[in-house]
Amino acid sequence: MQVFMQDLARGAFTYAPPMLDDLSRAMEIDRRYSDLGLGLVDGSVIALAEGLGIRRIATRDVRHFAAVRLRDGSSFELVIHPSDPDRS
């Protein structure tokens, strides 16, 4: 976690808190993909990515993020990390 926080502080990742419009879109995404059980967190990540024009995300949640299509019909480019990043 410490390495991640250092990377975040140096600007290696985009950090953006969701706005109210993002939360509305997150709930819409969760309803659309109700069979996946995305929830508010995954829905918020997807809504933020759409709003920021981000298509490449780092995740270990391949099941959810590979299944979702963005508003424009495109899918995410997933960067998959090791299952235990502290051991790499």
C-alpha atoms as a PDB file:
ATOM      1  CA  MET A   1       0.000   0.000   0.000  1.00  0.00           C
ATOM      2  CA  GLN A   2       2.855   2.388   0.785  1.00  0.00           C
ATOM      3  CA  VAL A   3       4.317   2.020  -2.714  1.00  0.00           C
ATOM      4  CA  PHE A   4       0.895   2.668  -4.242  1.00  0.00           C
ATOM      5  CA  MET A   5       0.455   5.821  -2.141  1.00  0.00           C
ATOM      6  CA  GLN A   6       3.905   7.051  -3.176  1.00  0.00           C
ATOM      7  CA  ASP A   7       3.044   6.432  -6.834  1.00  0.00           C
ATOM      8  CA  LEU A   8      -0.238   8.274  -6.376  1.00  0.00           C
ATOM      9  CA  ALA A   9       1.552  11.221  -4.753  1.00  0.00           C
ATOM     10  CA  ARG A  10       4.036  11.474  -7.638  1.00  0.00           C
ATOM     11  CA  GLY A  11       1.229  11.502 -10.210  1.00  0.00           C
ATOM     12  CA  ALA A  12       1.601   7.986 -11.616  1.00  0.00           C
ATOM     13  CA  PHE A  13      -2.166   7.471 -11.387  1.00  0.00           C
ATOM     14  CA  THR A  14      -5.193   9.684 -11.888  1.00  0.00           C
ATOM     15  CA  TYR A  15      -7.092  10.393  -8.681  1.00  0.00           C
ATOM     16  CA  ALA A  16     -10.497  11.972  -9.100  1.00  0.00           C
ATOM     17  CA  PRO A  17     -13.283  11.921  -6.516  1.00  0.00           C
ATOM     18  CA  PRO A  18     -16.736  11.313  -8.002  1.00  0.00           C
ATOM     19  CA  MET A  19     -19.103  14.240  -8.452  1.00  0.00           C
ATOM     20  CA  LEU A  20     -22.891  13.930  -8.169  1.00  0.00           C
ATOM     21  CA  ASP A  21     -23.263  13.361 -11.927  1.00  0.00           C
ATOM     22  CA  ASP A  22     -20.700  10.551 -11.676  1.00  0.00           C
ATOM     23  CA  LEU A  23     -22.674   8.922  -8.875  1.00  0.00           C
ATOM     24  CA  SER A  24     -25.861   9.069 -10.941  1.00  0.00           C
ATOM     25  CA  ARG A  25     -24.026   7.452 -13.846  1.00  0.00           C
ATOM     26  CA  ALA A  26     -22.528   4.857 -11.462  1.00  0.00           C
ATOM     27  CA  MET A  27     -26.013   3.849 -10.324  1.00  0.00           C
ATOM     28  CA  GLU A  28     -27.147   3.666 -13.953  1.00  0.00           C
ATOM     29  CA  ILE A  29     -24.203   1.385 -14.774  1.00  0.00           C
ATOM     30  CA  ASP A  30     -24.942  -0.795 -11.739  1.00  0.00           C
ATOM     31  CA  ARG A  31     -28.572  -1.176 -12.881  1.00  0.00           C
ATOM     32  CA  ARG A  32     -27.549  -1.958 -16.463  1.00  0.00           C
ATOM     33  CA  TYR A  33     -25.164  -4.687 -15.323  1.00  0.00           C
ATOM     34  CA  SER A  34     -27.267  -5.890 -12.383  1.00  0.00           C
ATOM     35  CA  ASP A  35     -26.378  -9.514 -13.138  1.00  0.00           C
ATOM     36  CA  LEU A  36     -22.714  -8.709 -12.322  1.00  0.00           C
ATOM     37  CA  GLY A  37     -23.411  -7.016  -8.996  1.00  0.00           C
ATOM     38  CA  LEU A  38     -20.975  -4.173  -9.728  1.00  0.00           C
ATOM     39  CA  GLY A  39     -22.036  -1.940  -6.865  1.00  0.00           C
ATOM     40  CA  LEU A  40     -21.220   1.707  -6.218  1.00  0.00           C
ATOM     41  CA  VAL A  41     -17.419   1.424  -6.171  1.00  0.00           C
ATOM     42  CA  ASP A  42     -16.996  -0.331  -9.525  1.00  0.00           C
ATOM     43  CA  GLY A  43     -19.774   1.773 -11.028  1.00  0.00           C
ATOM     44  CA  SER A  44     -18.019   4.937  -9.829  1.00  0.00           C
ATOM     45  CA  VAL A  45     -14.705   3.851 -11.324  1.00  0.00           C
ATOM     46  CA  ILE A  46     -16.411   3.204 -14.660  1.00  0.00           C
ATOM     47  CA  ALA A  47     -18.308   6.517 -14.576  1.00  0.00           C
ATOM     48  CA  LEU A  48     -15.148   8.446 -13.708  1.00  0.00           C
ATOM     49  CA  ALA A  49     -13.183   6.722 -16.444  1.00  0.00           C
ATOM     50  CA  GLU A  50     -15.873   7.623 -18.974  1.00  0.00           C
ATOM     51  CA  GLY A  51     -15.905  11.236 -17.850  1.00  0.00           C
ATOM     52  CA  LEU A  52     -12.129  11.562 -17.931  1.00  0.00           C
ATOM     53  CA  GLY A  53     -11.712   9.691 -21.210  1.00  0.00           C
ATOM     54  CA  ILE A  54      -9.641   6.977 -19.531  1.00  0.00           C
ATOM     55  CA  ARG A  55      -9.750   3.570 -21.187  1.00  0.00           C
ATOM     56  CA  ARG A  56      -6.741   1.893 -19.557  1.00  0.00           C
ATOM     57  CA  ILE A  57      -7.179   0.834 -15.947  1.00  0.00           C
ATOM     58  CA  ALA A  58      -5.196  -1.283 -13.516  1.00  0.00           C
ATOM     59  CA  THR A  59      -7.346  -3.897 -11.812  1.00  0.00           C
ATOM     60  CA  ARG A  60      -7.474  -7.448 -10.570  1.00  0.00           C
ATOM     61  CA  ASP A  61     -11.260  -7.456 -11.046  1.00  0.00           C
ATOM     62  CA  VAL A  62     -11.200  -8.815 -14.587  1.00  0.00           C
ATOM     63  CA  ARG A  63     -14.674 -10.363 -14.316  1.00  0.00           C
ATOM     64  CA  HIS A  64     -16.396  -7.015 -13.834  1.00  0.00           C
ATOM     65  CA  PHE A  65     -14.298  -4.616 -15.874  1.00  0.00           C
ATOM     66  CA  ALA A  66     -13.921  -6.899 -18.906  1.00  0.00           C
ATOM     67  CA  ALA A  67     -17.708  -7.330 -19.150  1.00  0.00           C
ATOM     68  CA  VAL A  68     -18.636  -3.644 -19.115  1.00  0.00           C
ATOM     69  CA  ARG A  69     -18.957  -1.557 -22.260  1.00  0.00           C
ATOM     70  CA  LEU A  70     -18.552   2.185 -21.998  1.00  0.00           C
ATOM     71  CA  ARG A  71     -21.057   4.683 -23.374  1.00  0.00           C
ATOM     72  CA  ASP A  72     -19.327   4.702 -26.743  1.00  0.00           C
ATOM     73  CA  GLY A  73     -19.418   0.899 -26.902  1.00  0.00           C
ATOM     74  CA  SER A  74     -15.694   0.456 -26.287  1.00  0.00           C
ATOM     75  CA  SER A  75     -14.213  -1.700 -23.578  1.00  0.00           C
ATOM     76  CA  PHE A  76     -11.443  -1.065 -21.092  1.00  0.00           C
ATOM     77  CA  GLU A  77      -7.844  -1.973 -21.716  1.00  0.00           C
ATOM     78  CA  LEU A  78      -7.063  -3.859 -18.519  1.00  0.00           C
ATOM     79  CA  VAL A  79      -3.668  -3.826 -16.875  1.00  0.00           C
ATOM     80  CA  ILE A  80      -3.623  -6.917 -14.708  1.00  0.00           C
ATOM     81  CA  HIS A  81      -1.412  -6.915 -11.641  1.00  0.00           C
ATOM     82  CA  PRO A  82      -0.013  -9.990  -9.899  1.00  0.00           C
ATOM     83  CA  SER A  83      -2.363 -11.589  -7.409  1.00  0.00           C
ATOM     84  CA  ASP A  84       0.064 -10.694  -4.604  1.00  0.00           C
ATOM     85  CA  PRO A  85       1.839  -7.480  -5.649  1.00  0.00           C
ATOM     86  CA  ASP A  86       3.891  -7.329  -2.428  1.00  0.00           C
ATOM     87  CA  ARG A  87       5.690 -10.523  -3.426  1.00  0.00           C
ATOM     88  CA  SER A  88       6.783  -9.373  -6.897  1.00  0.00           C
END
